[in-house]
Amino acid sequence: MIGGSESDRKSVLAQQQAYLEANAKFDWETLRDKLWSPTPEATFFNLNGHTYNGRDHWVRLWQYYKQHMTTGEWIPYDVGGVVGSDVAVLWCHRKTKLRWVGTDPRPGERHADRDFTSRSTMVFHKEKGEWRVVHVHFSDASTDERPGGV
């Protein structure tokens, strides 16, 4: 990771880890109270392919998932990023598993039971001295051959 003070770099990494731990349990209270920014402009791109506008929209998703899905531990690797005075961007790959445990029908193919790797980009904004997430973009990592072997 480049830029920023050592303290800010540690704080951003700690927030990423706190997110991964909360995500493993769909701990929406931690997400709401400590991680996601309350600003209404915050926008989140979920692995399910949908966009969630504002923290409360995402919290409703996690409240649903907590009743219907388990993921287990999220293990990050290839972590990198850039930290400025009030904005930071952190990216990584993450390994986990997904298991549908609810009684509702699965919402679609993206909710099939599987072990998988995803990619994560998190944008943090410093608000009242605390790093809060204002944007995420999560996507599946491909297991296909790279085009042209590149």
Protein backbone atom coordinates (compact mmCIF):
# COMPACT_ATOMS: atom_id res chain seq x y z
CA MET A 1 0.00 0.00 0.00
CA ILE A 2 1.28 3.47 -0.79
CA GLY A 3 0.67 6.96 0.56
CA GLY A 4 -0.83 8.24 3.76
CA SER A 5 0.53 8.04 7.25
CA GLU A 6 1.41 4.73 8.84
CA SER A 7 -1.49 5.26 11.24
CA ASP A 8 -3.98 5.81 8.39
CA ARG A 9 -2.69 2.78 6.47
CA LYS A 10 -3.13 0.61 9.57
CA SER A 11 -6.60 2.04 10.20
CA VAL A 12 -7.77 1.38 6.63
CA LEU A 13 -6.42 -2.19 6.75
CA ALA A 14 -8.14 -2.69 10.11
CA GLN A 15 -11.44 -1.49 8.63
CA GLN A 16 -11.04 -3.92 5.72
CA GLN A 17 -10.44 -6.77 8.16
CA ALA A 18 -13.40 -5.69 10.30
CA TYR A 19 -15.54 -5.79 7.16
CA LEU A 20 -14.36 -9.30 6.25
CA GLU A 21 -15.13 -10.53 9.77
CA ALA A 22 -18.58 -8.87 9.79
CA ASN A 23 -19.28 -10.23 6.31
CA ALA A 24 -18.64 -13.80 7.48
CA LYS A 25 -21.55 -13.45 9.94
CA PHE A 26 -23.68 -10.88 8.10
CA ASP A 27 -23.19 -8.69 11.16
CA TRP A 28 -25.23 -5.76 9.90
CA GLU A 29 -24.96 -3.85 13.19
CA THR A 30 -21.17 -3.59 12.86
CA LEU A 31 -21.56 -2.68 9.20
CA ARG A 32 -24.05 0.07 10.04
CA ASP A 33 -22.35 1.42 13.15
CA LYS A 34 -18.63 1.13 12.36
CA LEU A 35 -17.92 0.52 8.69
CA TRP A 36 -20.29 1.95 6.08
CA SER A 37 -20.63 5.71 5.77
CA PRO A 38 -24.05 7.13 6.61
CA THR A 39 -23.82 9.58 3.69
CA PRO A 40 -26.77 9.02 1.33
CA GLU A 41 -24.41 9.25 -1.67
CA ALA A 42 -22.63 6.02 -0.67
CA THR A 43 -23.06 3.38 -3.38
CA PHE A 44 -22.25 -0.32 -3.16
CA PHE A 45 -21.87 -2.88 -5.98
CA ASN A 46 -22.56 -6.33 -4.50
CA LEU A 47 -21.40 -9.75 -5.74
CA ASN A 48 -25.04 -10.53 -6.52
CA GLY A 49 -24.81 -8.08 -9.43
CA HIS A 50 -27.04 -5.41 -7.87
CA THR A 51 -26.33 -1.85 -6.78
CA TYR A 52 -27.29 -0.71 -3.28
CA ASN A 53 -27.71 3.02 -2.70
CA GLY A 54 -26.99 4.16 0.82
CA ARG A 55 -26.01 2.21 3.89
CA ASP A 56 -29.57 1.31 4.90
CA HIS A 57 -30.23 -0.32 1.52
CA TRP A 58 -27.20 -2.61 2.04
CA VAL A 59 -28.18 -3.30 5.66
CA ARG A 60 -31.56 -4.63 4.44
CA LEU A 61 -29.67 -7.00 2.10
CA TRP A 62 -27.56 -8.33 4.96
CA GLN A 63 -30.61 -8.75 7.18
CA TYR A 64 -32.08 -10.94 4.42
CA TYR A 65 -28.85 -12.87 3.77
CA LYS A 66 -28.30 -13.54 7.48
CA GLN A 67 -31.48 -15.63 7.42
CA HIS A 68 -30.69 -17.43 4.16
CA MET A 69 -26.95 -17.78 3.51
CA THR A 70 -23.64 -18.63 5.16
CA THR A 71 -20.23 -17.82 3.77
CA GLY A 72 -17.61 -18.69 6.36
CA GLU A 73 -14.32 -16.85 6.65
CA TRP A 74 -13.23 -14.40 3.92
CA ILE A 75 -9.48 -14.74 3.34
CA PRO A 76 -7.87 -11.75 1.59
CA TYR A 77 -4.69 -11.87 -0.48
CA ASP A 78 -2.93 -9.64 -3.05
CA VAL A 79 -3.91 -6.67 -0.88
CA GLY A 80 -2.93 -3.25 -2.24
CA GLY A 81 -4.08 0.32 -2.10
CA VAL A 82 -3.51 4.03 -1.96
CA VAL A 83 -4.15 6.22 1.07
CA GLY A 84 -4.55 10.00 0.96
CA SER A 85 -5.41 12.51 3.65
CA ASP A 86 -9.17 11.87 3.52
CA VAL A 87 -9.75 9.23 0.80
CA ALA A 88 -8.29 5.73 0.53
CA VAL A 89 -8.79 2.89 -1.96
CA LEU A 90 -8.01 -0.69 -1.03
CA TRP A 91 -8.19 -3.74 -3.29
CA CYS A 92 -7.65 -7.46 -2.91
CA HIS A 93 -8.70 -10.93 -3.90
CA ARG A 94 -10.74 -12.90 -1.34
CA LYS A 95 -11.44 -16.61 -0.94
CA THR A 96 -14.59 -17.92 0.72
CA LYS A 97 -17.51 -20.29 0.31
CA LEU A 98 -21.22 -19.77 -0.10
CA ARG A 99 -23.97 -22.04 1.18
CA TRP A 100 -27.70 -21.34 0.82
CA VAL A 101 -29.40 -22.33 4.08
CA GLY A 102 -32.69 -20.47 3.88
CA THR A 103 -36.14 -21.66 2.98
CA ASP A 104 -36.68 -18.99 0.30
CA PRO A 105 -35.86 -20.04 -3.25
CA ARG A 106 -32.34 -19.06 -4.31
CA PRO A 107 -32.41 -15.68 -6.04
CA GLY A 108 -30.37 -16.99 -8.99
CA GLU A 109 -27.18 -18.66 -10.20
CA ARG A 110 -24.96 -16.31 -8.20
CA HIS A 111 -26.32 -17.92 -5.03
CA ALA A 112 -25.30 -21.50 -5.88
CA ASP A 113 -23.32 -23.35 -3.20
CA ARG A 114 -19.65 -22.98 -4.11
CA ASP A 115 -16.13 -22.20 -2.97
CA PHE A 116 -14.86 -19.20 -4.89
CA THR A 117 -12.53 -16.25 -5.22
CA SER A 118 -13.82 -12.72 -5.60
CA ARG A 119 -12.24 -9.33 -6.16
CA SER A 120 -12.82 -6.38 -3.88
CA THR A 121 -12.31 -2.64 -4.27
CA MET A 122 -13.23 -0.52 -1.25
CA VAL A 123 -13.23 3.29 -1.19
CA PHE A 124 -12.91 4.88 2.23
CA HIS A 125 -13.57 8.47 3.27
CA LYS A 126 -12.35 9.96 6.54
CA GLU A 127 -15.40 11.22 8.43
CA LYS A 128 -14.98 12.84 11.85
CA GLY A 129 -11.55 11.21 12.11
CA GLU A 130 -12.81 7.70 11.26
CA TRP A 131 -12.38 5.81 7.98
CA ARG A 132 -15.80 4.87 6.57
CA VAL A 133 -16.64 3.03 3.35
CA VAL A 134 -18.43 5.13 0.71
CA HIS A 135 -18.13 2.67 -2.19
CA VAL A 136 -17.38 -0.98 -2.81
CA HIS A 137 -17.18 -3.01 -5.97
CA PHE A 138 -17.15 -6.77 -5.56
CA SER A 139 -16.94 -9.20 -8.47
CA ASP A 140 -16.18 -12.86 -9.13
CA ALA A 141 -12.65 -13.71 -10.18
CA SER A 142 -12.48 -15.68 -13.42
CA THR A 143 -11.16 -19.21 -13.65
CA ASP A 144 -11.17 -19.04 -17.46
CA GLU A 145 -7.97 -18.84 -19.50
CA ARG A 146 -6.82 -15.29 -20.06
CA PRO A 147 -7.62 -14.00 -23.55
CA GLY A 148 -4.56 -14.38 -25.74
CA GLY A 149 -2.64 -15.89 -22.81
CA VAL A 150 -2.03 -12.39 -21.47
